[in-house]
Amino acid sequence: MDVVLGIDIAKAKFDVALLWPDGRLRRKSLANNAKGFAELAAWLTRHGVERVHAALEATGTYGNAVAEFLYDAGHHVSVLNPAVTAAFAASQLLRAKTDRVDAALIARYCATQRPALWTPLPREVRELQGLVRRLDALQDMRAQESNRLGAGEVVPAVATSIETVIKTLTKEIAAVRRQIRDHFTQHPGLKGQRDLLESIPGIGEATAAVLIAELFDKPYRSARQAAAFAGLVPRICQSGTLRGRSRLSKIGPARLRKALYFPAVTALRANPNLQSLKARLSALGKPKMVIIGAAMRKLIHLAYAVLKSGRPYDPRYARA
């Protein structure tokens, strides 16, 4: 077993737990900035550690910099789904939850489970991901302001303020959309992926950008694995003779499912293959939301197929 480093990330700091094969454990808290990264490197050197297998949870953007720092320094890095470490904590019957405890827990998980290694995304994908997430945030803010304006009982001065904010947000949304289009133009590889995805009826440029930035930035072995990451595979509820209703797992990023919802609704109307899927599920008495969930999953399967083959969508090879 290698020396492992469990990392619990917060916005301003991160806690680390260094675990040796013989069970020795050392802990430290560091600032989540370049100075803290340098202190971490010096601390590892003082303990005679040349290379670690570091593990941290995927917690938004707060852990990206330290993960990239350790990767560039030649260490092995794993980025974990928080749901996995939460399940591991439950299996260990842990009652306390602090940053120090979580860092040690992540170290023990890494030591015993040997999670897959992580590599940073190419810079152009990271930039696209940032633009896509910014667009999503701006659209959410505009929707919130529009809801406030439509709620009624808004005094004129407040209504004017809200309208001004909506206009500003609308301009910013248009600007970020232009930046995304320009980004694809500047990176032919990404543009080729986008064009393949847009060949699928129901997937437009906005959805294609989200899929490239948030889903197909990872090496999947199958379309089902991609759908599972998006939280679009059924979670079976069964114990003995009791059978509960199956639901979507919804484990992956919510923004993926959000981005696929309306394209799936459109594809059920416009894509013959998904129309046959709808007819088959309707004949089985499946409710509307189950059918839409199945359509979202089908779109991921189609997207995986066109990207893997490098050929545009062909309805002859996409039977529902």
Protein backbone atom coordinates (compact mmCIF):
# COMPACT_ATOMS: atom_id res chain seq x y z
CA MET A 1 0.00 0.00 0.00
CA ASP A 2 1.28 3.46 -0.90
CA VAL A 3 1.34 6.43 1.44
CA VAL A 4 -2.01 8.12 0.98
CA LEU A 5 -3.16 11.67 1.59
CA GLY A 6 -6.78 12.38 2.44
CA ILE A 7 -7.86 15.95 1.74
CA ASP A 8 -10.99 17.67 3.05
CA ILE A 9 -11.61 20.83 1.04
CA ALA A 10 -13.22 24.09 2.12
CA LYS A 11 -13.27 27.49 0.45
CA ALA A 12 -10.50 29.12 2.51
CA LYS A 13 -8.56 26.10 3.78
CA PHE A 14 -8.08 22.38 3.45
CA ASP A 15 -7.26 19.69 5.99
CA VAL A 16 -4.98 16.79 5.13
CA ALA A 17 -4.38 13.41 6.74
CA LEU A 18 -1.21 11.55 5.76
CA LEU A 19 -1.61 7.79 6.27
CA TRP A 20 1.29 5.31 6.10
CA PRO A 21 0.85 1.57 5.38
CA ASP A 22 1.62 0.79 9.04
CA GLY A 23 -1.32 2.93 10.17
CA ARG A 24 0.60 6.03 11.29
CA LEU A 25 -1.39 9.19 10.73
CA ARG A 26 -0.29 12.82 10.52
CA ARG A 27 -2.65 15.77 10.09
CA LYS A 28 -2.32 19.38 9.03
CA SER A 29 -4.54 22.33 8.10
CA LEU A 30 -3.43 24.65 5.29
CA ALA A 31 -4.67 27.70 3.42
CA ASN A 32 -6.40 26.91 0.13
CA ASN A 33 -4.05 29.04 -1.98
CA ALA A 34 -0.61 28.90 -3.57
CA LYS A 35 1.13 29.53 -0.24
CA GLY A 36 -0.75 26.64 1.34
CA PHE A 37 0.17 24.36 -1.57
CA ALA A 38 3.86 25.22 -1.12
CA GLU A 39 3.56 24.50 2.61
CA LEU A 40 1.98 21.15 1.81
CA ALA A 41 4.89 20.22 -0.47
CA ALA A 42 7.41 21.20 2.22
CA TRP A 43 5.45 19.25 4.86
CA LEU A 44 5.48 16.10 2.74
CA THR A 45 9.22 16.48 2.19
CA ARG A 46 9.83 16.83 5.94
CA HIS A 47 8.03 13.54 6.45
CA GLY A 48 10.21 11.88 3.81
CA VAL A 49 7.35 11.36 1.37
CA GLU A 50 8.24 11.59 -2.32
CA ARG A 51 4.91 10.56 -3.80
CA VAL A 52 1.44 10.07 -2.37
CA HIS A 53 -1.89 8.83 -3.62
CA ALA A 54 -3.99 11.87 -2.75
CA ALA A 55 -7.78 11.75 -2.63
CA LEU A 56 -10.36 14.50 -2.24
CA GLU A 57 -14.06 14.86 -2.84
CA ALA A 58 -15.48 16.59 -5.89
CA THR A 59 -16.79 19.75 -4.20
CA GLY A 60 -17.36 22.32 -6.91
CA THR A 61 -14.27 24.30 -7.85
CA TYR A 62 -12.64 24.63 -4.42
CA GLY A 63 -10.47 21.53 -4.83
CA ASN A 64 -9.39 22.01 -8.44
CA ALA A 65 -6.26 24.03 -7.71
CA VAL A 66 -4.77 21.70 -5.09
CA ALA A 67 -5.61 18.64 -7.24
CA GLU A 68 -3.81 20.20 -10.22
CA PHE A 69 -0.87 21.22 -7.99
CA LEU A 70 -0.40 17.67 -6.70
CA TYR A 71 -0.83 16.15 -10.18
CA ASP A 72 1.77 18.53 -11.66
CA ALA A 73 4.15 17.62 -8.81
CA GLY A 74 4.01 13.95 -9.85
CA HIS A 75 1.61 12.62 -7.22
CA HIS A 76 -1.31 10.30 -7.93
CA VAL A 77 -4.68 12.00 -7.44
CA SER A 78 -8.23 10.64 -7.15
CA VAL A 79 -11.34 12.83 -7.12
CA LEU A 80 -14.21 11.08 -5.31
CA ASN A 81 -17.97 11.29 -5.50
CA PRO A 82 -19.09 12.62 -2.08
CA ALA A 83 -21.90 10.04 -2.04
CA VAL A 84 -19.27 7.28 -2.05
CA THR A 85 -17.35 8.67 0.90
CA ALA A 86 -20.60 9.30 2.78
CA ALA A 87 -21.52 5.64 2.33
CA PHE A 88 -18.03 4.62 3.47
CA ALA A 89 -18.40 6.81 6.57
CA ALA A 90 -21.71 5.12 7.37
CA SER A 91 -20.07 1.71 7.01
CA GLN A 92 -17.42 2.79 9.53
CA LEU A 93 -20.13 3.85 12.03
CA LEU A 94 -18.59 7.30 12.40
CA ARG A 95 -20.50 9.66 14.67
CA ALA A 96 -18.27 12.75 14.47
CA LYS A 97 -18.01 14.91 11.37
CA THR A 98 -15.25 17.51 11.34
CA ASP A 99 -12.74 18.56 8.71
CA ARG A 100 -9.98 16.56 10.46
CA VAL A 101 -12.19 13.48 10.76
CA ASP A 102 -13.27 13.75 7.12
CA ALA A 103 -9.67 14.04 5.89
CA ALA A 104 -8.72 10.86 7.79
CA LEU A 105 -11.83 9.10 6.49
CA ILE A 106 -10.92 9.98 2.89
CA ALA A 107 -7.38 8.72 3.51
CA ARG A 108 -8.67 5.37 4.81
CA TYR A 109 -11.09 5.11 1.88
CA CYS A 110 -8.24 5.73 -0.56
CA ALA A 111 -6.00 3.19 1.19
CA THR A 112 -8.57 0.41 1.20
CA GLN A 113 -10.58 1.03 -1.98
CA ARG A 114 -7.83 2.21 -4.37
CA PRO A 115 -10.04 4.61 -6.37
CA ALA A 116 -9.36 5.38 -10.02
CA LEU A 117 -6.75 8.00 -10.78
CA TRP A 118 -7.71 11.46 -11.99
CA THR A 119 -6.11 13.63 -14.64
CA PRO A 120 -6.89 17.32 -15.22
CA LEU A 121 -9.19 18.27 -18.05
CA PRO A 122 -7.56 19.85 -21.10
CA ARG A 123 -7.52 23.62 -20.72
CA GLU A 124 -10.02 24.17 -23.55
CA VAL A 125 -12.53 21.86 -21.85
CA ARG A 126 -12.01 23.60 -18.50
CA GLU A 127 -12.65 26.94 -20.16
CA LEU A 128 -15.79 25.62 -21.85
CA GLN A 129 -16.98 24.20 -18.53
CA GLY A 130 -16.50 27.59 -16.88
CA LEU A 131 -18.47 29.35 -19.62
CA VAL A 132 -21.28 26.79 -19.55
CA ARG A 133 -21.62 27.05 -15.78
CA ARG A 134 -21.57 30.84 -15.94
CA LEU A 135 -24.35 30.80 -18.53
CA ASP A 136 -26.41 28.50 -16.33
CA ALA A 137 -25.92 30.78 -13.32
CA LEU A 138 -26.92 33.89 -15.30
CA GLN A 139 -30.05 32.19 -16.60
CA ASP A 140 -31.01 31.14 -13.08
CA MET A 141 -30.55 34.70 -11.83
CA ARG A 142 -32.71 36.09 -14.64
CA ALA A 143 -35.42 33.53 -13.88
CA GLN A 144 -35.38 34.54 -10.21
CA GLU A 145 -35.74 38.22 -11.07
CA SER A 146 -38.50 37.48 -13.58
CA ASN A 147 -40.36 35.49 -10.93
CA ARG A 148 -40.08 38.41 -8.50
CA LEU A 149 -41.47 40.77 -11.12
CA GLY A 150 -44.33 38.42 -11.93
CA ALA A 151 -45.23 37.79 -8.31
CA GLY A 152 -47.26 41.00 -8.15
CA GLU A 153 -47.48 43.60 -5.38
CA VAL A 154 -44.16 45.14 -6.46
CA VAL A 155 -43.91 48.89 -5.93
CA PRO A 156 -42.93 50.89 -9.04
CA ALA A 157 -39.42 51.70 -7.80
CA VAL A 158 -38.70 48.03 -7.11
CA ALA A 159 -40.18 47.00 -10.46
CA THR A 160 -37.86 49.44 -12.23
CA SER A 161 -34.87 48.01 -10.37
CA ILE A 162 -35.83 44.44 -11.26
CA GLU A 163 -36.34 45.34 -14.92
CA THR A 164 -32.91 46.98 -15.02
CA VAL A 165 -31.30 43.86 -13.57
CA ILE A 166 -33.16 41.64 -16.05
CA LYS A 167 -31.92 43.76 -18.98
CA THR A 168 -28.35 43.58 -17.68
CA LEU A 169 -28.56 39.81 -17.19
CA THR A 170 -30.03 39.36 -20.68
CA LYS A 171 -27.08 41.25 -22.17
CA GLU A 172 -24.61 39.14 -20.18
CA ILE A 173 -26.35 35.93 -21.25
CA ALA A 174 -26.04 36.95 -24.90
CA ALA A 175 -22.37 37.82 -24.38
CA VAL A 176 -21.54 34.47 -22.76
CA ARG A 177 -23.39 32.61 -25.52
CA ARG A 178 -21.20 34.43 -28.06
CA GLN A 179 -18.11 33.48 -26.05
CA ILE A 180 -19.17 29.82 -26.12
CA ARG A 181 -19.66 29.92 -29.90
CA ASP A 182 -16.29 31.64 -30.34
CA HIS A 183 -14.66 29.05 -28.09
CA PHE A 184 -15.90 26.24 -30.32
CA THR A 185 -14.66 28.09 -33.40
CA GLN A 186 -11.20 28.44 -31.83
CA HIS A 187 -11.00 24.72 -30.96
CA PRO A 188 -11.81 22.50 -33.96
CA GLY A 189 -11.79 19.32 -31.86
CA LEU A 190 -14.56 20.62 -29.63
CA LYS A 191 -16.41 21.99 -32.63
CA GLY A 192 -16.34 18.56 -34.25
CA GLN A 193 -17.87 17.03 -31.12
CA ARG A 194 -20.53 19.73 -31.02
CA ASP A 195 -21.46 19.16 -34.68
CA LEU A 196 -21.81 15.41 -34.07
CA LEU A 197 -24.09 15.98 -31.09
CA GLU A 198 -26.20 18.54 -32.95
CA SER A 199 -26.88 15.93 -35.63
CA ILE A 200 -29.15 14.18 -33.10
CA PRO A 201 -32.74 15.49 -33.35
CA GLY A 202 -33.55 17.26 -30.08
CA ILE A 203 -29.99 18.33 -29.22
CA GLY A 204 -29.14 21.95 -30.02
CA GLU A 205 -26.00 23.99 -29.49
CA ALA A 206 -26.71 24.81 -25.84
CA THR A 207 -27.32 21.17 -24.86
CA ALA A 208 -24.31 20.01 -26.89
CA ALA A 209 -22.08 22.46 -25.03
CA VAL A 210 -23.31 21.18 -21.65
CA LEU A 211 -22.82 17.55 -22.65
CA ILE A 212 -19.25 18.18 -23.83
CA ALA A 213 -18.33 20.25 -20.78
CA GLU A 214 -20.09 18.28 -18.05
CA LEU A 215 -20.57 14.70 -19.26
CA PHE A 216 -18.23 13.66 -22.05
CA ASP A 217 -15.12 15.08 -20.40
CA LYS A 218 -14.61 11.59 -18.91
CA PRO A 219 -13.56 8.25 -20.46
CA TYR A 220 -16.63 6.03 -20.24
CA ARG A 221 -16.53 2.35 -21.14
CA SER A 222 -20.19 2.31 -22.17
CA ALA A 223 -23.20 4.53 -22.78
CA ARG A 224 -24.82 3.08 -19.66
CA GLN A 225 -21.85 4.26 -17.60
CA ALA A 226 -22.34 7.79 -18.98
CA ALA A 227 -26.06 7.65 -18.18
CA ALA A 228 -25.26 6.43 -14.67
CA PHE A 229 -22.93 9.38 -14.11
CA ALA A 230 -25.78 11.70 -15.12
CA GLY A 231 -28.08 10.00 -12.60
CA LEU A 232 -30.40 8.73 -15.32
CA VAL A 233 -30.41 5.00 -14.60
CA PRO A 234 -33.20 3.44 -12.51
CA ARG A 235 -32.67 2.79 -8.81
CA ILE A 236 -34.33 -0.54 -8.05
CA CYS A 237 -36.17 -0.71 -4.71
CA GLN A 238 -36.62 -4.35 -3.69
CA SER A 239 -36.27 -6.25 -0.44
CA GLY A 240 -37.49 -9.83 -0.16
CA THR A 241 -41.02 -9.95 -1.50
CA LEU A 242 -41.44 -6.15 -1.26
CA ARG A 243 -41.05 -4.18 -4.46
CA GLY A 244 -41.04 -0.41 -4.41
CA ARG A 245 -41.36 1.94 -7.36
CA SER A 246 -38.12 2.34 -9.31
CA ARG A 247 -36.87 5.91 -9.60
CA LEU A 248 -34.00 7.67 -11.34
CA SER A 249 -30.90 7.53 -9.18
CA LYS A 250 -30.21 11.29 -9.62
CA ILE A 251 -26.70 10.79 -8.23
CA GLY A 252 -24.82 12.83 -10.83
CA PRO A 253 -24.78 16.59 -11.46
CA ALA A 254 -28.27 18.08 -11.48
CA ARG A 255 -27.27 20.51 -14.24
CA LEU A 256 -26.95 17.60 -16.67
CA ARG A 257 -30.51 16.43 -16.06
CA LYS A 258 -31.71 20.03 -16.20
CA ALA A 259 -29.99 20.50 -19.57
CA LEU A 260 -31.51 17.32 -21.01
CA TYR A 261 -35.12 17.75 -19.87
CA PHE A 262 -36.47 20.03 -22.62
CA PRO A 263 -34.36 18.42 -25.38
CA ALA A 264 -35.92 15.09 -24.36
CA VAL A 265 -39.42 16.59 -24.54
CA THR A 266 -38.59 17.96 -28.01
CA ALA A 267 -37.04 14.68 -29.17
CA LEU A 268 -40.15 12.75 -28.13
CA ARG A 269 -42.05 14.88 -30.67
CA ALA A 270 -39.42 15.22 -33.41
CA ASN A 271 -37.22 12.11 -33.31
CA PRO A 272 -38.88 8.98 -34.77
CA ASN A 273 -36.73 6.67 -32.66
CA LEU A 274 -37.82 8.36 -29.47
CA GLN A 275 -41.40 8.46 -30.68
CA SER A 276 -41.34 4.65 -30.87
CA LEU A 277 -39.82 4.57 -27.38
CA LYS A 278 -42.69 6.73 -26.14
CA ALA A 279 -45.29 4.49 -27.83
CA ARG A 280 -43.79 1.35 -26.27
CA LEU A 281 -43.62 2.82 -22.76
CA SER A 282 -47.09 4.36 -23.04
CA ALA A 283 -48.48 0.95 -24.00
CA LEU A 284 -46.99 -0.40 -20.78
CA GLY A 285 -48.81 2.28 -18.80
CA LYS A 286 -45.71 4.25 -17.85
CA PRO A 287 -46.37 7.81 -16.59
CA LYS A 288 -45.20 10.92 -18.40
CA MET A 289 -42.14 11.61 -16.22
CA VAL A 290 -40.90 8.03 -16.57
CA ILE A 291 -41.11 8.39 -20.35
CA ILE A 292 -39.22 11.70 -20.27
CA GLY A 293 -36.55 10.15 -18.04
CA ALA A 294 -36.18 7.27 -20.50
CA ALA A 295 -35.88 9.78 -23.35
CA MET A 296 -33.15 11.69 -21.49
CA ARG A 297 -31.28 8.43 -21.00
CA LYS A 298 -31.75 7.53 -24.68
CA LEU A 299 -30.29 10.88 -25.75
CA ILE A 300 -27.15 10.13 -23.73
CA HIS A 301 -26.88 6.72 -25.41
CA LEU A 302 -27.20 8.38 -28.83
CA ALA A 303 -24.68 11.06 -27.89
CA TYR A 304 -22.20 8.44 -26.71
CA ALA A 305 -22.65 6.52 -29.95
CA VAL A 306 -21.99 9.45 -32.30
CA LEU A 307 -18.96 10.64 -30.32
CA LYS A 308 -17.47 7.15 -30.09
CA SER A 309 -18.02 6.38 -33.79
CA GLY A 310 -17.15 9.86 -35.04
CA ARG A 311 -20.13 9.67 -37.40
CA PRO A 312 -23.27 11.86 -37.39
CA TYR A 313 -26.56 10.50 -36.13
CA ASP A 314 -28.18 7.93 -38.40
CA PRO A 315 -31.74 6.87 -37.43
CA ARG A 316 -31.12 3.43 -38.99
CA TYR A 317 -28.64 2.62 -36.19
CA ALA A 318 -30.58 4.18 -33.34
CA ARG A 319 -33.57 1.94 -32.79
CA ALA A 320 -35.35 2.59 -29.50
